[in-house]
Amino acid sequence: MTRGCKRVYCVEVVGCLNVTMSLKPRRIDFDSVWQQLSDTVSTVICGGGVARPVWNDRFTDVYAVCVANPEPMADKLYNATKNFLEAHVQQLYKVEHLGLVY
């Protein structure tokens, strides 16, 4: 454990990181969390890489949204994800249909 750190999560490739994570339900700014989630999903479905700490943070974000206080937002997350993926597929179809595949 590193001096001055109460909790440390060590990953061989990344090094040591401070971890401040709680599983207790809390208030969530859905739009802010969704922006980070959708950026990560976009990166993944377009074949990009995501750093391990970012990947782990997104799992924590999904959990936090699903148990948010005072109102869980799992349905809102589902609908946002569904809309995001449908728009992505429509864009792929449009690009392929117009012959703009790179």
C-alpha atoms as a PDB file:
ATOM      1  CA  MET A   1       0.000   0.000   0.000  1.00  0.00           C
ATOM      2  CA  THR A   2       1.303   3.449  -0.926  1.00  0.00           C
ATOM      3  CA  ARG A   3       1.808   5.996   1.860  1.00  0.00           C
ATOM      4  CA  GLY A   4      -0.951   8.550   2.119  1.00  0.00           C
ATOM      5  CA  CYS A   5      -3.441   6.358   0.266  1.00  0.00           C
ATOM      6  CA  LYS A   6      -6.276   4.753   2.167  1.00  0.00           C
ATOM      7  CA  ARG A   7      -7.200   2.406  -0.660  1.00  0.00           C
ATOM      8  CA  VAL A   8      -4.887   1.397  -3.450  1.00  0.00           C
ATOM      9  CA  TYR A   9      -5.646  -0.793  -6.428  1.00  0.00           C
ATOM     10  CA  CYS A  10      -2.521  -2.130  -8.087  1.00  0.00           C
ATOM     11  CA  VAL A  11      -2.482  -3.301 -11.657  1.00  0.00           C
ATOM     12  CA  GLU A  12       0.761  -4.636 -13.060  1.00  0.00           C
ATOM     13  CA  VAL A  13       0.484  -2.862 -16.415  1.00  0.00           C
ATOM     14  CA  VAL A  14      -0.954   0.447 -15.185  1.00  0.00           C
ATOM     15  CA  GLY A  15       0.681   0.900 -11.797  1.00  0.00           C
ATOM     16  CA  CYS A  16      -1.040   1.877  -8.584  1.00  0.00           C
ATOM     17  CA  LEU A  17      -4.203   3.961  -8.601  1.00  0.00           C
ATOM     18  CA  ASN A  18      -6.247   5.501  -5.809  1.00  0.00           C
ATOM     19  CA  VAL A  19      -9.667   3.934  -5.693  1.00  0.00           C
ATOM     20  CA  THR A  20     -12.615   5.771  -4.237  1.00  0.00           C
ATOM     21  CA  MET A  21     -15.581   3.583  -4.998  1.00  0.00           C
ATOM     22  CA  SER A  22     -18.737   3.006  -3.052  1.00  0.00           C
ATOM     23  CA  LEU A  23     -21.543   0.621  -3.866  1.00  0.00           C
ATOM     24  CA  LYS A  24     -24.038   2.717  -1.916  1.00  0.00           C
ATOM     25  CA  PRO A  25     -26.799   4.289  -4.025  1.00  0.00           C
ATOM     26  CA  ARG A  26     -26.203   7.992  -4.653  1.00  0.00           C
ATOM     27  CA  ARG A  27     -27.523  10.866  -6.735  1.00  0.00           C
ATOM     28  CA  ILE A  28     -26.450  10.654 -10.364  1.00  0.00           C
ATOM     29  CA  ASP A  29     -26.253  13.306 -13.077  1.00  0.00           C
ATOM     30  CA  PHE A  30     -27.505  10.992 -15.817  1.00  0.00           C
ATOM     31  CA  ASP A  31     -26.498  13.252 -18.714  1.00  0.00           C
ATOM     32  CA  SER A  32     -22.926  13.523 -17.467  1.00  0.00           C
ATOM     33  CA  VAL A  33     -22.594   9.792 -16.847  1.00  0.00           C
ATOM     34  CA  TRP A  34     -24.278   8.952 -20.158  1.00  0.00           C
ATOM     35  CA  GLN A  35     -21.805  11.160 -22.034  1.00  0.00           C
ATOM     36  CA  GLN A  36     -18.901   9.149 -20.630  1.00  0.00           C
ATOM     37  CA  LEU A  37     -20.650   5.827 -21.227  1.00  0.00           C
ATOM     38  CA  SER A  38     -21.611   6.647 -24.802  1.00  0.00           C
ATOM     39  CA  ASP A  39     -18.083   7.857 -25.582  1.00  0.00           C
ATOM     40  CA  THR A  40     -16.681   4.552 -24.331  1.00  0.00           C
ATOM     41  CA  VAL A  41     -19.285   2.463 -26.181  1.00  0.00           C
ATOM     42  CA  SER A  42     -18.583   4.419 -29.361  1.00  0.00           C
ATOM     43  CA  THR A  43     -14.866   3.788 -29.005  1.00  0.00           C
ATOM     44  CA  VAL A  44     -15.418   0.056 -28.474  1.00  0.00           C
ATOM     45  CA  ILE A  45     -17.883  -0.520 -31.319  1.00  0.00           C
ATOM     46  CA  CYS A  46     -15.643   1.399 -33.704  1.00  0.00           C
ATOM     47  CA  GLY A  47     -12.706  -0.879 -32.856  1.00  0.00           C
ATOM     48  CA  GLY A  48     -10.801   1.442 -30.541  1.00  0.00           C
ATOM     49  CA  GLY A  49      -9.072   0.552 -27.325  1.00  0.00           C
ATOM     50  CA  VAL A  50     -10.110   1.558 -23.834  1.00  0.00           C
ATOM     51  CA  ALA A  51      -7.676   1.764 -20.938  1.00  0.00           C
ATOM     52  CA  ARG A  52      -8.383  -0.701 -18.126  1.00  0.00           C
ATOM     53  CA  PRO A  53      -9.116   2.001 -15.504  1.00  0.00           C
ATOM     54  CA  VAL A  54     -11.612   3.700 -17.856  1.00  0.00           C
ATOM     55  CA  TRP A  55     -13.239   0.348 -18.646  1.00  0.00           C
ATOM     56  CA  ASN A  56     -13.585  -0.400 -14.930  1.00  0.00           C
ATOM     57  CA  ASP A  57     -14.987   3.079 -14.267  1.00  0.00           C
ATOM     58  CA  ARG A  58     -17.704   2.550 -16.888  1.00  0.00           C
ATOM     59  CA  PHE A  59     -18.822  -0.655 -15.136  1.00  0.00           C
ATOM     60  CA  THR A  60     -19.031   1.323 -11.907  1.00  0.00           C
ATOM     61  CA  ASP A  61     -21.014   4.029 -13.723  1.00  0.00           C
ATOM     62  CA  VAL A  62     -23.538   1.487 -15.031  1.00  0.00           C
ATOM     63  CA  TYR A  63     -24.009   0.091 -11.536  1.00  0.00           C
ATOM     64  CA  ALA A  64     -24.386   3.581 -10.057  1.00  0.00           C
ATOM     65  CA  VAL A  65     -27.038   4.526 -12.633  1.00  0.00           C
ATOM     66  CA  CYS A  66     -28.978   1.314 -12.009  1.00  0.00           C
ATOM     67  CA  VAL A  67     -29.117   1.859  -8.232  1.00  0.00           C
ATOM     68  CA  ALA A  68     -29.243   5.676  -8.256  1.00  0.00           C
ATOM     69  CA  ASN A  69     -30.924   7.459  -5.397  1.00  0.00           C
ATOM     70  CA  PRO A  70     -33.709   8.570  -5.085  1.00  0.00           C
ATOM     71  CA  GLU A  71     -34.806   6.900  -8.341  1.00  0.00           C
ATOM     72  CA  PRO A  72     -32.923   4.079 -10.124  1.00  0.00           C
ATOM     73  CA  MET A  73     -32.321   4.956 -13.775  1.00  0.00           C
ATOM     74  CA  ALA A  74     -31.914   1.511 -15.318  1.00  0.00           C
ATOM     75  CA  ASP A  75     -34.807   2.069 -17.731  1.00  0.00           C
ATOM     76  CA  LYS A  76     -33.386   5.433 -18.784  1.00  0.00           C
ATOM     77  CA  LEU A  77     -29.981   3.815 -19.356  1.00  0.00           C
ATOM     78  CA  TYR A  78     -31.570   0.999 -21.376  1.00  0.00           C
ATOM     79  CA  ASN A  79     -33.456   3.464 -23.593  1.00  0.00           C
ATOM     80  CA  ALA A  80     -30.409   5.697 -24.102  1.00  0.00           C
ATOM     81  CA  THR A  81     -28.294   2.659 -25.011  1.00  0.00           C
ATOM     82  CA  LYS A  82     -30.969   1.318 -27.367  1.00  0.00           C
ATOM     83  CA  ASN A  83     -31.303   4.698 -29.107  1.00  0.00           C
ATOM     84  CA  PHE A  84     -27.531   5.043 -29.356  1.00  0.00           C
ATOM     85  CA  LEU A  85     -27.071   1.612 -30.934  1.00  0.00           C
ATOM     86  CA  GLU A  86     -30.023   2.061 -33.304  1.00  0.00           C
ATOM     87  CA  ALA A  87     -28.593   5.385 -34.499  1.00  0.00           C
ATOM     88  CA  HIS A  88     -25.181   3.759 -34.982  1.00  0.00           C
ATOM     89  CA  VAL A  89     -26.656   0.911 -37.052  1.00  0.00           C
ATOM     90  CA  GLN A  90     -28.722   3.358 -39.116  1.00  0.00           C
ATOM     91  CA  GLN A  91     -25.568   5.352 -39.811  1.00  0.00           C
ATOM     92  CA  LEU A  92     -23.738   2.190 -40.875  1.00  0.00           C
ATOM     93  CA  TYR A  93     -26.617   1.270 -43.163  1.00  0.00           C
ATOM     94  CA  LYS A  94     -26.687   4.765 -44.654  1.00  0.00           C
ATOM     95  CA  VAL A  95     -22.939   4.738 -45.287  1.00  0.00           C
ATOM     96  CA  GLU A  96     -23.061   1.280 -46.869  1.00  0.00           C
ATOM     97  CA  HIS A  97     -26.206   2.045 -48.869  1.00  0.00           C
ATOM     98  CA  LEU A  98     -24.641   5.194 -50.330  1.00  0.00           C
ATOM     99  CA  GLY A  99     -21.440   3.324 -51.160  1.00  0.00           C
ATOM    100  CA  LEU A 100     -19.321   5.367 -48.788  1.00  0.00           C
ATOM    101  CA  VAL A 101     -17.643   2.434 -47.085  1.00  0.00           C
ATOM    102  CA  TYR A 102     -14.003   3.248 -46.415  1.00  0.00           C
END
